[in-house]
Amino acid sequence: MTLQRIPLTEAARRLKQIRQIVQVQGLVVLTSHDKPVLIVVEVERGKQLLEGVQQLARLLAADNLLGFARAIGAADEQRLGVNADWIGQALTDLQDDERVS
């Protein structure tokens, strides 16, 4: 792996841009040689997404109706449905970016 050297001021400028985009859009895809290598997500949104994945895992692991009901109740308590539109848009954006590159 070759490390690219850039001036500290340029690195600071790029990080500032990334922070601004994350605050506005909630998601940034950093690329290297036209290939996605890193996705940056706002901490709160990342936490919500991980909680959603955890609830999905509980749903898949549930072996009875009570287990399903508990997992659905926990997902509802965490208001995971609020992120549904954002998740769909983020996936669409990622797929569009992938097609373009």
PDB file of N, CA and C in Angstrom:
ATOM      1  N   MET A   1       0.837  -1.173   0.000  1.00  0.00           N
ATOM      2  CA  MET A   1       0.000   0.000   0.000  1.00  0.00           C
ATOM      3  C   MET A   1       0.887   1.242   0.000  1.00  0.00           C
ATOM      4  N   THR A   2       0.643   2.138  -0.918  1.00  0.00           N
ATOM      5  CA  THR A   2       1.408   3.367  -1.023  1.00  0.00           C
ATOM      6  C   THR A   2       0.687   4.479  -0.283  1.00  0.00           C
ATOM      7  N   LEU A   3       1.391   5.164   0.578  1.00  0.00           N
ATOM      8  CA  LEU A   3       0.810   6.286   1.300  1.00  0.00           C
ATOM      9  C   LEU A   3       1.050   7.564   0.512  1.00  0.00           C
ATOM     10  N   GLN A   4      -0.010   8.325   0.374  1.00  0.00           N
ATOM     11  CA  GLN A   4       0.100   9.604  -0.320  1.00  0.00           C
ATOM     12  C   GLN A   4       0.342  10.697   0.715  1.00  0.00           C
ATOM     13  N   ARG A   5       1.326  11.517   0.491  1.00  0.00           N
ATOM     14  CA  ARG A   5       1.622  12.611   1.417  1.00  0.00           C
ATOM     15  C   ARG A   5       0.904  13.870   0.929  1.00  0.00           C
ATOM     16  N   ILE A   6       0.172  14.487   1.858  1.00  0.00           N
ATOM     17  CA  ILE A   6      -0.484  15.757   1.546  1.00  0.00           C
ATOM     18  C   ILE A   6      -0.186  16.727   2.681  1.00  0.00           C
ATOM     19  N   PRO A   7      -0.195  18.022   2.381  1.00  0.00           N
ATOM     20  CA  PRO A   7       0.064  19.006   3.428  1.00  0.00           C
ATOM     21  C   PRO A   7      -1.008  18.940   4.513  1.00  0.00           C
ATOM     22  N   LEU A   8      -0.635  19.269   5.739  1.00  0.00           N
ATOM     23  CA  LEU A   8      -1.553  19.236   6.863  1.00  0.00           C
ATOM     24  C   LEU A   8      -2.768  20.134   6.631  1.00  0.00           C
ATOM     25  N   THR A   9      -2.555  21.288   6.016  1.00  0.00           N
ATOM     26  CA  THR A   9      -3.682  22.193   5.752  1.00  0.00           C
ATOM     27  C   THR A   9      -4.686  21.559   4.791  1.00  0.00           C
ATOM     28  N   GLU A  10      -4.198  20.821   3.815  1.00  0.00           N
ATOM     29  CA  GLU A  10      -5.084  20.129   2.867  1.00  0.00           C
ATOM     30  C   GLU A  10      -5.861  19.017   3.569  1.00  0.00           C
ATOM     31  N   ALA A  11      -5.197  18.271   4.437  1.00  0.00           N
ATOM     32  CA  ALA A  11      -5.879  17.215   5.200  1.00  0.00           C
ATOM     33  C   ALA A  11      -6.968  17.814   6.084  1.00  0.00           C
ATOM     34  N   ALA A  12      -6.667  18.918   6.741  1.00  0.00           N
ATOM     35  CA  ALA A  12      -7.652  19.587   7.601  1.00  0.00           C
ATOM     36  C   ALA A  12      -8.840  20.076   6.779  1.00  0.00           C
ATOM     37  N   ARG A  13      -8.565  20.613   5.596  1.00  0.00           N
ATOM     38  CA  ARG A  13      -9.642  21.088   4.716  1.00  0.00           C
ATOM     39  C   ARG A  13     -10.546  19.939   4.287  1.00  0.00           C
ATOM     40  N   ARG A  14      -9.945  18.811   3.922  1.00  0.00           N
ATOM     41  CA  ARG A  14     -10.733  17.648   3.493  1.00  0.00           C
ATOM     42  C   ARG A  14     -11.588  17.106   4.639  1.00  0.00           C
ATOM     43  N   LEU A  15     -11.005  17.029   5.842  1.00  0.00           N
ATOM     44  CA  LEU A  15     -11.769  16.554   7.000  1.00  0.00           C
ATOM     45  C   LEU A  15     -12.928  17.483   7.321  1.00  0.00           C
ATOM     46  N   LYS A  16     -12.716  18.771   7.180  1.00  0.00           N
ATOM     47  CA  LYS A  16     -13.787  19.739   7.418  1.00  0.00           C
ATOM     48  C   LYS A  16     -14.930  19.517   6.416  1.00  0.00           C
ATOM     49  N   GLN A  17     -14.583  19.291   5.162  1.00  0.00           N
ATOM     50  CA  GLN A  17     -15.595  19.016   4.140  1.00  0.00           C
ATOM     51  C   GLN A  17     -16.377  17.748   4.480  1.00  0.00           C
ATOM     52  N   ILE A  18     -15.679  16.710   4.897  1.00  0.00           N
ATOM     53  CA  ILE A  18     -16.339  15.446   5.242  1.00  0.00           C
ATOM     54  C   ILE A  18     -17.304  15.658   6.400  1.00  0.00           C
ATOM     55  N   ARG A  19     -16.861  16.375   7.431  1.00  0.00           N
ATOM     56  CA  ARG A  19     -17.742  16.642   8.583  1.00  0.00           C
ATOM     57  C   ARG A  19     -18.989  17.406   8.165  1.00  0.00           C
ATOM     58  N   GLN A  20     -18.840  18.393   7.297  1.00  0.00           N
ATOM     59  CA  GLN A  20     -19.981  19.182   6.840  1.00  0.00           C
ATOM     60  C   GLN A  20     -20.975  18.313   6.067  1.00  0.00           C
ATOM     61  N   ILE A  21     -20.472  17.472   5.190  1.00  0.00           N
ATOM     62  CA  ILE A  21     -21.354  16.610   4.396  1.00  0.00           C
ATOM     63  C   ILE A  21     -22.073  15.616   5.294  1.00  0.00           C
ATOM     64  N   VAL A  22     -21.360  15.035   6.258  1.00  0.00           N
ATOM     65  CA  VAL A  22     -21.981  14.074   7.177  1.00  0.00           C
ATOM     66  C   VAL A  22     -23.093  14.742   7.968  1.00  0.00           C
ATOM     67  N   GLN A  23     -22.871  15.975   8.425  1.00  0.00           N
ATOM     68  CA  GLN A  23     -23.902  16.673   9.195  1.00  0.00           C
ATOM     69  C   GLN A  23     -25.130  16.971   8.353  1.00  0.00           C
ATOM     70  N   VAL A  24     -24.933  17.297   7.085  1.00  0.00           N
ATOM     71  CA  VAL A  24     -26.054  17.641   6.217  1.00  0.00           C
ATOM     72  C   VAL A  24     -26.755  16.392   5.691  1.00  0.00           C
ATOM     73  N   GLN A  25     -25.982  15.437   5.168  1.00  0.00           N
ATOM     74  CA  GLN A  25     -26.561  14.288   4.494  1.00  0.00           C
ATOM     75  C   GLN A  25     -26.554  13.017   5.325  1.00  0.00           C
ATOM     76  N   GLY A  26     -25.712  12.948   6.351  1.00  0.00           N
ATOM     77  CA  GLY A  26     -25.662  11.768   7.200  1.00  0.00           C
ATOM     78  C   GLY A  26     -24.806  10.633   6.674  1.00  0.00           C
ATOM     79  N   LEU A  27     -24.263  10.779   5.465  1.00  0.00           N
ATOM     80  CA  LEU A  27     -23.497   9.682   4.874  1.00  0.00           C
ATOM     81  C   LEU A  27     -22.485  10.238   3.885  1.00  0.00           C
ATOM     82  N   VAL A  28     -21.270   9.737   3.943  1.00  0.00           N
ATOM     83  CA  VAL A  28     -20.229  10.108   2.982  1.00  0.00           C
ATOM     84  C   VAL A  28     -19.544   8.836   2.528  1.00  0.00           C
ATOM     85  N   VAL A  29     -19.321   8.705   1.244  1.00  0.00           N
ATOM     86  CA  VAL A  29     -18.563   7.572   0.713  1.00  0.00           C
ATOM     87  C   VAL A  29     -17.237   8.119   0.195  1.00  0.00           C
ATOM     88  N   LEU A  30     -16.147   7.669   0.801  1.00  0.00           N
ATOM     89  CA  LEU A  30     -14.817   8.074   0.361  1.00  0.00           C
ATOM     90  C   LEU A  30     -14.312   7.035  -0.621  1.00  0.00           C
ATOM     91  N   THR A  31     -13.713   7.472  -1.683  1.00  0.00           N
ATOM     92  CA  THR A  31     -13.258   6.525  -2.697  1.00  0.00           C
ATOM     93  C   THR A  31     -11.759   6.634  -2.917  1.00  0.00           C
ATOM     94  N   SER A  32     -11.211   5.562  -3.422  1.00  0.00           N
ATOM     95  CA  SER A  32      -9.811   5.519  -3.805  1.00  0.00           C
ATOM     96  C   SER A  32      -9.742   4.798  -5.139  1.00  0.00           C
ATOM     97  N   HIS A  33      -9.187   5.453  -6.131  1.00  0.00           N
ATOM     98  CA  HIS A  33      -9.092   4.862  -7.471  1.00  0.00           C
ATOM     99  C   HIS A  33     -10.465   4.424  -7.973  1.00  0.00           C
ATOM    100  N   ASP A  34     -11.462   5.266  -7.765  1.00  0.00           N
ATOM    101  CA  ASP A  34     -12.836   5.036  -8.239  1.00  0.00           C
ATOM    102  C   ASP A  34     -13.511   3.817  -7.632  1.00  0.00           C
ATOM    103  N   LYS A  35     -13.043   3.366  -6.469  1.00  0.00           N
ATOM    104  CA  LYS A  35     -13.674   2.239  -5.791  1.00  0.00           C
ATOM    105  C   LYS A  35     -14.024   2.659  -4.372  1.00  0.00           C
ATOM    106  N   PRO A  36     -15.257   2.383  -3.918  1.00  0.00           N
ATOM    107  CA  PRO A  36     -15.599   2.745  -2.541  1.00  0.00           C
ATOM    108  C   PRO A  36     -14.716   1.982  -1.552  1.00  0.00           C
ATOM    109  N   VAL A  37     -14.139   2.700  -0.608  1.00  0.00           N
ATOM    110  CA  VAL A  37     -13.292   2.051   0.383  1.00  0.00           C
ATOM    111  C   VAL A  37     -13.725   2.355   1.810  1.00  0.00           C
ATOM    112  N   LEU A  38     -14.502   3.407   2.007  1.00  0.00           N
ATOM    113  CA  LEU A  38     -14.879   3.784   3.367  1.00  0.00           C
ATOM    114  C   LEU A  38     -16.184   4.549   3.346  1.00  0.00           C
ATOM    115  N   ILE A  39     -17.082   4.199   4.249  1.00  0.00           N
ATOM    116  CA  ILE A  39     -18.333   4.931   4.402  1.00  0.00           C
ATOM    117  C   ILE A  39     -18.303   5.599   5.764  1.00  0.00           C
ATOM    118  N   VAL A  40     -18.550   6.891   5.797  1.00  0.00           N
ATOM    119  CA  VAL A  40     -18.574   7.651   7.034  1.00  0.00           C
ATOM    120  C   VAL A  40     -20.029   8.002   7.334  1.00  0.00           C
ATOM    121  N   VAL A  41     -20.490   7.616   8.518  1.00  0.00           N
ATOM    122  CA  VAL A  41     -21.876   7.863   8.910  1.00  0.00           C
ATOM    123  C   VAL A  41     -21.862   8.643  10.216  1.00  0.00           C
ATOM    124  N   GLU A  42     -22.784   9.580  10.346  1.00  0.00           N
ATOM    125  CA  GLU A  42     -22.937  10.322  11.583  1.00  0.00           C
ATOM    126  C   GLU A  42     -23.116   9.332  12.734  1.00  0.00           C
ATOM    127  N   VAL A  43     -22.509   9.590  13.877  1.00  0.00           N
ATOM    128  CA  VAL A  43     -22.492   8.643  14.994  1.00  0.00           C
ATOM    129  C   VAL A  43     -23.902   8.232  15.403  1.00  0.00           C
ATOM    130  N   GLU A  44     -24.783   9.182  15.583  1.00  0.00           N
ATOM    131  CA  GLU A  44     -26.143   8.855  16.032  1.00  0.00           C
ATOM    132  C   GLU A  44     -26.862   7.980  15.008  1.00  0.00           C
ATOM    133  N   ARG A  45     -26.705   8.310  13.733  1.00  0.00           N
ATOM    134  CA  ARG A  45     -27.355   7.510  12.687  1.00  0.00           C
ATOM    135  C   ARG A  45     -26.736   6.121  12.623  1.00  0.00           C
ATOM    136  N   GLY A  46     -25.429   6.027  12.784  1.00  0.00           N
ATOM    137  CA  GLY A  46     -24.761   4.724  12.804  1.00  0.00           C
ATOM    138  C   GLY A  46     -25.255   3.869  13.954  1.00  0.00           C
ATOM    139  N   LYS A  47     -25.441   4.487  15.113  1.00  0.00           N
ATOM    140  CA  LYS A  47     -25.961   3.769  16.282  1.00  0.00           C
ATOM    141  C   LYS A  47     -27.364   3.243  16.005  1.00  0.00           C
ATOM    142  N   GLN A  48     -28.193   4.069  15.388  1.00  0.00           N
ATOM    143  CA  GLN A  48     -29.554   3.643  15.060  1.00  0.00           C
ATOM    144  C   GLN A  48     -29.546   2.483  14.067  1.00  0.00           C
ATOM    145  N   LEU A  49     -28.654   2.547  13.093  1.00  0.00           N
ATOM    146  CA  LEU A  49     -28.573   1.469  12.105  1.00  0.00           C
ATOM    147  C   LEU A  49     -28.112   0.165  12.746  1.00  0.00           C
ATOM    148  N   LEU A  50     -27.140   0.240  13.648  1.00  0.00           N
ATOM    149  CA  LEU A  50     -26.682  -0.959  14.347  1.00  0.00           C
ATOM    150  C   LEU A  50     -27.786  -1.543  15.224  1.00  0.00           C
ATOM    151  N   GLU A  51     -28.559  -0.680  15.875  1.00  0.00           N
ATOM    152  CA  GLU A  51     -29.681  -1.168  16.672  1.00  0.00           C
ATOM    153  C   GLU A  51     -30.710  -1.864  15.776  1.00  0.00           C
ATOM    154  N   GLY A  52     -30.907  -1.319  14.575  1.00  0.00           N
ATOM    155  CA  GLY A  52     -31.823  -1.941  13.631  1.00  0.00           C
ATOM    156  C   GLY A  52     -31.352  -3.317  13.197  1.00  0.00           C
ATOM    157  N   VAL A  53     -30.072  -3.437  12.929  1.00  0.00           N
ATOM    158  CA  VAL A  53     -29.501  -4.737  12.548  1.00  0.00           C
ATOM    159  C   VAL A  53     -29.637  -5.730  13.702  1.00  0.00           C
ATOM    160  N   GLN A  54     -29.429  -5.243  14.921  1.00  0.00           N
ATOM    161  CA  GLN A  54     -29.569  -6.103  16.094  1.00  0.00           C
ATOM    162  C   GLN A  54     -31.003  -6.630  16.203  1.00  0.00           C
ATOM    163  N   GLN A  55     -31.985  -5.773  15.985  1.00  0.00           N
ATOM    164  CA  GLN A  55     -33.383  -6.205  16.059  1.00  0.00           C
ATOM    165  C   GLN A  55     -33.708  -7.188  14.937  1.00  0.00           C
ATOM    166  N   LEU A  56     -33.160  -6.955  13.760  1.00  0.00           N
ATOM    167  CA  LEU A  56     -33.372  -7.892  12.649  1.00  0.00           C
ATOM    168  C   LEU A  56     -32.790  -9.253  12.998  1.00  0.00           C
ATOM    169  N   ALA A  57     -31.605  -9.265  13.599  1.00  0.00           N
ATOM    170  CA  ALA A  57     -30.988 -10.537  14.009  1.00  0.00           C
ATOM    171  C   ALA A  57     -31.872 -11.243  15.033  1.00  0.00           C
ATOM    172  N   ARG A  58     -32.454 -10.482  15.956  1.00  0.00           N
ATOM    173  CA  ARG A  58     -33.351 -11.086  16.944  1.00  0.00           C
ATOM    174  C   ARG A  58     -34.602 -11.658  16.279  1.00  0.00           C
ATOM    175  N   LEU A  59     -35.121 -10.948  15.277  1.00  0.00           N
ATOM    176  CA  LEU A  59     -36.280 -11.471  14.545  1.00  0.00           C
ATOM    177  C   LEU A  59     -35.930 -12.783  13.853  1.00  0.00           C
ATOM    178  N   LEU A  60     -34.781 -12.814  13.203  1.00  0.00           N
ATOM    179  CA  LEU A  60     -34.380 -14.018  12.479  1.00  0.00           C
ATOM    180  C   LEU A  60     -34.094 -15.182  13.418  1.00  0.00           C
ATOM    181  N   ALA A  61     -33.618 -14.874  14.624  1.00  0.00           N
ATOM    182  CA  ALA A  61     -33.287 -15.927  15.579  1.00  0.00           C
ATOM    183  C   ALA A  61     -34.501 -16.388  16.388  1.00  0.00           C
ATOM    184  N   ALA A  62     -35.577 -15.612  16.383  1.00  0.00           N
ATOM    185  CA  ALA A  62     -36.753 -15.972  17.182  1.00  0.00           C
ATOM    186  C   ALA A  62     -37.346 -17.285  16.680  1.00  0.00           C
ATOM    187  N   ASP A  63     -37.635 -18.159  17.610  1.00  0.00           N
ATOM    188  CA  ASP A  63     -38.182 -19.457  17.209  1.00  0.00           C
ATOM    189  C   ASP A  63     -39.643 -19.628  17.609  1.00  0.00           C
ATOM    190  N   ASN A  64     -40.240 -18.544  18.117  1.00  0.00           N
ATOM    191  CA  ASN A  64     -41.661 -18.625  18.451  1.00  0.00           C
ATOM    192  C   ASN A  64     -42.294 -17.236  18.344  1.00  0.00           C
ATOM    193  N   LEU A  65     -43.587 -17.191  18.437  1.00  0.00           N
ATOM    194  CA  LEU A  65     -44.326 -15.939  18.280  1.00  0.00           C
ATOM    195  C   LEU A  65     -43.950 -14.922  19.345  1.00  0.00           C
ATOM    196  N   LEU A  66     -43.711 -15.371  20.561  1.00  0.00           N
ATOM    197  CA  LEU A  66     -43.334 -14.457  21.635  1.00  0.00           C
ATOM    198  C   LEU A  66     -41.993 -13.784  21.325  1.00  0.00           C
ATOM    199  N   GLY A  67     -41.045 -14.531  20.803  1.00  0.00           N
ATOM    200  CA  GLY A  67     -39.748 -13.964  20.415  1.00  0.00           C
ATOM    201  C   GLY A  67     -39.898 -12.913  19.327  1.00  0.00           C
ATOM    202  N   PHE A  68     -40.752 -13.215  18.335  1.00  0.00           N
ATOM    203  CA  PHE A  68     -41.023 -12.240  17.279  1.00  0.00           C
ATOM    204  C   PHE A  68     -41.636 -10.976  17.860  1.00  0.00           C
ATOM    205  N   ALA A  69     -42.614 -11.143  18.714  1.00  0.00           N
ATOM    206  CA  ALA A  69     -43.305  -9.996  19.307  1.00  0.00           C
ATOM    207  C   ALA A  69     -42.338  -9.122  20.108  1.00  0.00           C
ATOM    208  N   ARG A  70     -41.452  -9.748  20.875  1.00  0.00           N
ATOM    209  CA  ARG A  70     -40.476  -8.975  21.651  1.00  0.00           C
ATOM    210  C   ARG A  70     -39.541  -8.184  20.737  1.00  0.00           C
ATOM    211  N   ALA A  71     -39.049  -8.819  19.683  1.00  0.00           N
ATOM    212  CA  ALA A  71     -38.130  -8.142  18.764  1.00  0.00           C
ATOM    213  C   ALA A  71     -38.829  -6.988  18.048  1.00  0.00           C
ATOM    214  N   ILE A  72     -40.059  -7.203  17.638  1.00  0.00           N
ATOM    215  CA  ILE A  72     -40.813  -6.138  16.967  1.00  0.00           C
ATOM    216  C   ILE A  72     -41.092  -4.997  17.942  1.00  0.00           C
ATOM    217  N   GLY A  73     -41.443  -5.335  19.180  1.00  0.00           N
ATOM    218  CA  GLY A  73     -41.684  -4.310  20.197  1.00  0.00           C
ATOM    219  C   GLY A  73     -40.436  -3.478  20.466  1.00  0.00           C
ATOM    220  N   ALA A  74     -39.282  -4.123  20.546  1.00  0.00           N
ATOM    221  CA  ALA A  74     -38.030  -3.402  20.783  1.00  0.00           C
ATOM    222  C   ALA A  74     -37.708  -2.490  19.602  1.00  0.00           C
ATOM    223  N   ALA A  75     -37.935  -2.979  18.390  1.00  0.00           N
ATOM    224  CA  ALA A  75     -37.689  -2.162  17.203  1.00  0.00           C
ATOM    225  C   ALA A  75     -38.620  -0.955  17.181  1.00  0.00           C
ATOM    226  N   ASP A  76     -39.855  -1.150  17.576  1.00  0.00           N
ATOM    227  CA  ASP A  76     -40.822  -0.048  17.624  1.00  0.00           C
ATOM    228  C   ASP A  76     -40.423   0.969  18.690  1.00  0.00           C
ATOM    229  N   GLU A  77     -39.957   0.505  19.838  1.00  0.00           N
ATOM    230  CA  GLU A  77     -39.513   1.401  20.909  1.00  0.00           C
ATOM    231  C   GLU A  77     -38.361   2.283  20.461  1.00  0.00           C
ATOM    232  N   GLN A  78     -37.469   1.734  19.672  1.00  0.00           N
ATOM    233  CA  GLN A  78     -36.311   2.482  19.192  1.00  0.00           C
ATOM    234  C   GLN A  78     -36.650   3.347  17.986  1.00  0.00           C
ATOM    235  N   ARG A  79     -37.878   3.308  17.550  1.00  0.00           N
ATOM    236  CA  ARG A  79     -38.370   4.110  16.415  1.00  0.00           C
ATOM    237  C   ARG A  79     -37.509   3.891  15.161  1.00  0.00           C
ATOM    238  N   LEU A  80     -37.222   2.622  14.882  1.00  0.00           N
ATOM    239  CA  LEU A  80     -36.373   2.302  13.738  1.00  0.00           C
ATOM    240  C   LEU A  80     -37.046   2.616  12.409  1.00  0.00           C
ATOM    241  N   GLY A  81     -38.369   2.629  12.395  1.00  0.00           N
ATOM    242  CA  GLY A  81     -39.083   2.946  11.163  1.00  0.00           C
ATOM    243  C   GLY A  81     -38.814   4.355  10.674  1.00  0.00           C
ATOM    244  N   VAL A  82     -38.398   5.238  11.577  1.00  0.00           N
ATOM    245  CA  VAL A  82     -38.099   6.618  11.211  1.00  0.00           C
ATOM    246  C   VAL A  82     -36.959   6.669  10.198  1.00  0.00           C
ATOM    247  N   ASN A  83     -36.042   5.705  10.255  1.00  0.00           N
ATOM    248  CA  ASN A  83     -34.883   5.679   9.366  1.00  0.00           C
ATOM    249  C   ASN A  83     -35.150   4.991   8.034  1.00  0.00           C
ATOM    250  N   ALA A  84     -36.324   4.433   7.856  1.00  0.00           N
ATOM    251  CA  ALA A  84     -36.581   3.634   6.653  1.00  0.00           C
ATOM    252  C   ALA A  84     -36.348   4.426   5.366  1.00  0.00           C
ATOM    253  N   ASP A  85     -36.856   5.651   5.300  1.00  0.00           N
ATOM    254  CA  ASP A  85     -36.689   6.455   4.085  1.00  0.00           C
ATOM    255  C   ASP A  85     -35.229   6.813   3.863  1.00  0.00           C
ATOM    256  N   TRP A  86     -34.534   7.175   4.954  1.00  0.00           N
ATOM    257  CA  TRP A  86     -33.130   7.549   4.835  1.00  0.00           C
ATOM    258  C   TRP A  86     -32.297   6.357   4.382  1.00  0.00           C
ATOM    259  N   ILE A  87     -32.558   5.181   4.948  1.00  0.00           N
ATOM    260  CA  ILE A  87     -31.811   3.978   4.576  1.00  0.00           C
ATOM    261  C   ILE A  87     -32.031   3.665   3.096  1.00  0.00           C
ATOM    262  N   GLY A  88     -33.272   3.731   2.653  1.00  0.00           N
ATOM    263  CA  GLY A  88     -33.571   3.478   1.243  1.00  0.00           C
ATOM    264  C   GLY A  88     -32.866   4.453   0.324  1.00  0.00           C
ATOM    265  N   GLN A  89     -32.876   5.738   0.687  1.00  0.00           N
ATOM    266  CA  GLN A  89     -32.206   6.750  -0.133  1.00  0.00           C
ATOM    267  C   GLN A  89     -30.699   6.548  -0.137  1.00  0.00           C
ATOM    268  N   ALA A  90     -30.128   6.201   1.025  1.00  0.00           N
ATOM    269  CA  ALA A  90     -28.685   5.964   1.109  1.00  0.00           C
ATOM    270  C   ALA A  90     -28.288   4.786   0.225  1.00  0.00           C
ATOM    271  N   LEU A  91     -29.078   3.704   0.257  1.00  0.00           N
ATOM    272  CA  LEU A  91     -28.783   2.543  -0.588  1.00  0.00           C
ATOM    273  C   LEU A  91     -28.878   2.893  -2.068  1.00  0.00           C
ATOM    274  N   THR A  92     -29.888   3.675  -2.426  1.00  0.00           N
ATOM    275  CA  THR A  92     -30.040   4.109  -3.813  1.00  0.00           C
ATOM    276  C   THR A  92     -28.849   4.953  -4.243  1.00  0.00           C
ATOM    277  N   ASP A  93     -28.438   5.885  -3.377  1.00  0.00           N
ATOM    278  CA  ASP A  93     -27.283   6.731  -3.689  1.00  0.00           C
ATOM    279  C   ASP A  93     -26.018   5.899  -3.863  1.00  0.00           C
ATOM    280  N   LEU A  94     -25.823   4.917  -2.980  1.00  0.00           N
ATOM    281  CA  LEU A  94     -24.642   4.065  -3.092  1.00  0.00           C
ATOM    282  C   LEU A  94     -24.656   3.266  -4.384  1.00  0.00           C
ATOM    283  N   GLN A  95     -25.830   2.753  -4.765  1.00  0.00           N
ATOM    284  CA  GLN A  95     -25.927   1.986  -6.010  1.00  0.00           C
ATOM    285  C   GLN A  95     -25.672   2.890  -7.215  1.00  0.00           C
ATOM    286  N   ASP A  96     -26.193   4.124  -7.169  1.00  0.00           N
ATOM    287  CA  ASP A  96     -25.955   5.067  -8.259  1.00  0.00           C
ATOM    288  C   ASP A  96     -24.473   5.403  -8.366  1.00  0.00           C
ATOM    289  N   ASP A  97     -23.825   5.649  -7.216  1.00  0.00           N
ATOM    290  CA  ASP A  97     -22.388   5.940  -7.212  1.00  0.00           C
ATOM    291  C   ASP A  97     -21.588   4.779  -7.770  1.00  0.00           C
ATOM    292  N   GLU A  98     -22.010   3.554  -7.434  1.00  0.00           N
ATOM    293  CA  GLU A  98     -21.311   2.371  -7.914  1.00  0.00           C
ATOM    294  C   GLU A  98     -21.422   2.248  -9.421  1.00  0.00           C
ATOM    295  N   ARG A  99     -22.611   2.538  -9.973  1.00  0.00           N
ATOM    296  CA  ARG A  99     -22.800   2.475 -11.416  1.00  0.00           C
ATOM    297  C   ARG A  99     -21.964   3.530 -12.134  1.00  0.00           C
ATOM    298  N   VAL A 100     -21.899   4.724 -11.561  1.00  0.00           N
ATOM    299  CA  VAL A 100     -21.146   5.819 -12.172  1.00  0.00           C
ATOM    300  C   VAL A 100     -19.659   5.498 -12.214  1.00  0.00           C
ATOM    301  N   SER A 101     -19.128   4.930 -11.110  1.00  0.00           N
ATOM    302  CA  SER A 101     -17.694   4.644 -11.085  1.00  0.00           C
ATOM    303  C   SER A 101     -17.406   3.357 -11.840  1.00  0.00           C
TER     304      SER A 101
END
